[in-house]
């Protein structure tokens, strides 16, 4: 099964939202993974909250280092922040590399509603990109 690895720096928000959305789109046609170049050690509670709002549960995700995947064959690596894109290594067998950057909602300030809205905005932007990517993967798998 092809593996798709989604990377960001902290592996606490954006990569997990993208992971959850892509997994919901493609089901078991590919293996979706996520990691960080400097993992935060937790998945942000607000990321979990806003994903539940769209029916995707990422509460069992964990923040992990990209190093655990260095010796695995990765079909595609997708970076969702500039820092991860700059430090992204090559993986054995890697065929594709994409960079789709999104604002980090973990840095949002303001009221509770303003912060949640920042998470929702990033989630919705990620959703547009990753649902389109997932649809392409599913369509491509029908051609093989």
Protein backbone atom coordinates (compact mmCIF):
# COMPACT_ATOMS: atom_id res chain seq x y z
CA UNK A 1 0.00 0.00 0.00
CA UNK A 2 1.35 3.44 -0.91
CA UNK A 3 2.25 5.70 2.01
CA UNK A 4 1.61 9.44 2.10
CA UNK A 5 3.43 11.40 4.80
CA UNK A 6 2.16 14.84 5.82
CA UNK A 7 4.78 16.98 7.57
CA UNK A 8 4.82 20.19 9.57
CA UNK A 9 7.16 21.50 12.20
CA UNK A 10 5.31 20.74 15.44
CA UNK A 11 2.96 17.98 14.25
CA UNK A 12 0.27 19.37 16.55
CA UNK A 13 -2.32 21.06 14.27
CA UNK A 14 -2.07 21.38 10.50
CA UNK A 15 -0.55 18.01 9.70
CA UNK A 16 -3.12 16.23 11.86
CA UNK A 17 -6.02 18.11 10.30
CA UNK A 18 -4.70 17.27 6.82
CA UNK A 19 -4.11 13.66 7.89
CA UNK A 20 -7.66 13.29 9.17
CA UNK A 21 -9.23 14.91 6.11
CA UNK A 22 -7.16 12.93 3.61
CA UNK A 23 -7.80 9.65 5.45
CA UNK A 24 -11.55 10.38 5.43
CA UNK A 25 -11.35 10.95 1.65
CA UNK A 26 -9.25 7.98 0.60
CA UNK A 27 -10.21 5.37 3.18
CA UNK A 28 -7.91 2.38 2.89
CA UNK A 29 -6.65 3.03 -0.66
CA UNK A 30 -3.40 4.56 0.73
CA UNK A 31 -1.78 4.74 4.16
CA UNK A 32 -1.84 8.29 5.52
CA UNK A 33 0.83 9.28 8.06
CA UNK A 34 1.82 12.55 9.74
CA UNK A 35 4.89 13.75 11.60
CA UNK A 36 6.93 16.82 12.48
CA UNK A 37 10.50 18.04 12.17
CA UNK A 38 10.33 19.23 15.80
CA UNK A 39 7.26 17.51 17.27
CA UNK A 40 5.37 19.35 19.99
CA UNK A 41 4.52 16.12 21.80
CA UNK A 42 0.75 16.65 21.68
CA UNK A 43 -2.13 17.21 19.29
CA UNK A 44 -3.68 20.61 19.91
CA UNK A 45 -7.09 20.27 21.62
CA UNK A 46 -8.61 22.95 19.39
CA UNK A 47 -7.53 21.03 16.28
CA UNK A 48 -9.32 17.98 17.68
CA UNK A 49 -12.37 20.12 18.47
CA UNK A 50 -12.73 21.73 15.04
CA UNK A 51 -12.20 18.41 13.27
CA UNK A 52 -15.02 16.86 15.33
CA UNK A 53 -17.23 19.67 14.01
CA UNK A 54 -16.88 18.17 10.52
CA UNK A 55 -17.26 14.58 11.72
CA UNK A 56 -13.59 13.58 11.76
CA UNK A 57 -12.08 12.26 14.99
CA UNK A 58 -8.33 12.79 15.35
CA UNK A 59 -8.31 12.42 19.14
CA UNK A 60 -6.25 9.22 18.90
CA UNK A 61 -3.48 10.88 16.84
CA UNK A 62 -0.08 11.43 18.45
CA UNK A 63 2.66 13.94 17.73
CA UNK A 64 5.73 12.17 16.37
CA UNK A 65 9.06 12.84 14.68
CA UNK A 66 9.58 12.41 10.95
CA UNK A 67 12.68 10.36 11.86
CA UNK A 68 10.54 7.29 12.52
CA UNK A 69 9.66 7.21 8.81
CA UNK A 70 13.13 7.82 7.33
CA UNK A 71 13.71 4.16 6.43
CA UNK A 72 10.23 3.56 5.04
CA UNK A 73 9.19 3.79 1.42
CA UNK A 74 7.09 6.91 1.16
CA UNK A 75 5.17 7.50 -2.07
CA UNK A 76 4.39 11.18 -1.41
CA UNK A 77 5.57 13.71 1.14
CA UNK A 78 3.37 16.75 1.66
CA UNK A 79 4.61 19.64 3.76
CA UNK A 80 2.01 22.02 5.19
CA UNK A 81 4.35 24.69 6.59
CA UNK A 82 7.43 26.45 5.26
CA UNK A 83 9.78 25.26 8.00
CA UNK A 84 9.02 21.59 7.36
CA UNK A 85 9.43 22.10 3.62
CA UNK A 86 12.93 23.49 4.15
CA UNK A 87 14.12 20.59 6.33
CA UNK A 88 12.26 17.79 4.56
CA UNK A 89 14.64 14.92 3.76
CA UNK A 90 14.33 12.55 0.83
CA UNK A 91 12.78 9.20 1.63
CA UNK A 92 13.62 5.85 0.00
CA UNK A 93 11.31 5.25 -2.94
CA UNK A 94 9.73 8.71 -2.68
CA UNK A 95 7.93 9.52 -5.90
CA UNK A 96 6.20 12.83 -5.18
CA UNK A 97 6.77 15.88 -3.03
CA UNK A 98 4.25 18.67 -2.55
CA UNK A 99 4.25 21.83 -0.46
CA UNK A 100 0.94 23.38 0.47
CA UNK A 101 1.49 25.94 3.21
CA UNK A 102 -1.20 26.97 5.68
CA UNK A 103 -1.23 29.48 8.54
CA UNK A 104 -0.56 27.96 11.95
CA UNK A 105 -3.70 28.43 14.07
CA UNK A 106 -1.74 27.52 17.21
CA UNK A 107 -0.30 31.05 17.06
CA UNK A 108 -3.73 32.73 16.92
CA UNK A 109 -4.50 35.31 19.60
CA UNK A 110 -7.69 36.96 20.76
CA UNK A 111 -10.87 35.75 22.35
CA UNK A 112 -11.76 32.08 22.55
CA UNK A 113 -14.10 32.52 19.57
CA UNK A 114 -11.43 34.32 17.53
CA UNK A 115 -8.93 31.56 18.22
CA UNK A 116 -11.44 28.83 17.34
CA UNK A 117 -12.29 30.70 14.15
CA UNK A 118 -8.59 30.72 13.22
CA UNK A 119 -8.55 26.93 13.64
CA UNK A 120 -11.73 26.62 11.57
CA UNK A 121 -10.32 28.82 8.81
CA UNK A 122 -7.14 26.74 8.57
CA UNK A 123 -9.18 23.52 8.71
CA UNK A 124 -11.41 24.71 5.88
CA UNK A 125 -8.44 25.72 3.72
CA UNK A 126 -6.78 22.36 4.35
CA UNK A 127 -10.06 20.61 3.58
CA UNK A 128 -10.36 22.24 0.15
CA UNK A 129 -6.85 21.20 -0.88
CA UNK A 130 -6.77 17.73 0.63
CA UNK A 131 -10.25 16.70 -0.50
CA UNK A 132 -9.26 17.63 -4.07
CA UNK A 133 -5.97 15.72 -3.70
CA UNK A 134 -7.80 12.74 -2.21
CA UNK A 135 -10.32 12.71 -5.07
CA UNK A 136 -7.42 12.62 -7.52
CA UNK A 137 -5.81 9.72 -5.66
CA UNK A 138 -9.05 7.77 -5.69
CA UNK A 139 -9.59 8.45 -9.40
CA UNK A 140 -5.99 7.45 -10.16
CA UNK A 141 -6.37 4.19 -8.26
CA UNK A 142 -9.27 3.26 -10.56
CA UNK A 143 -6.95 3.56 -13.55
CA UNK A 144 -4.37 1.04 -12.26
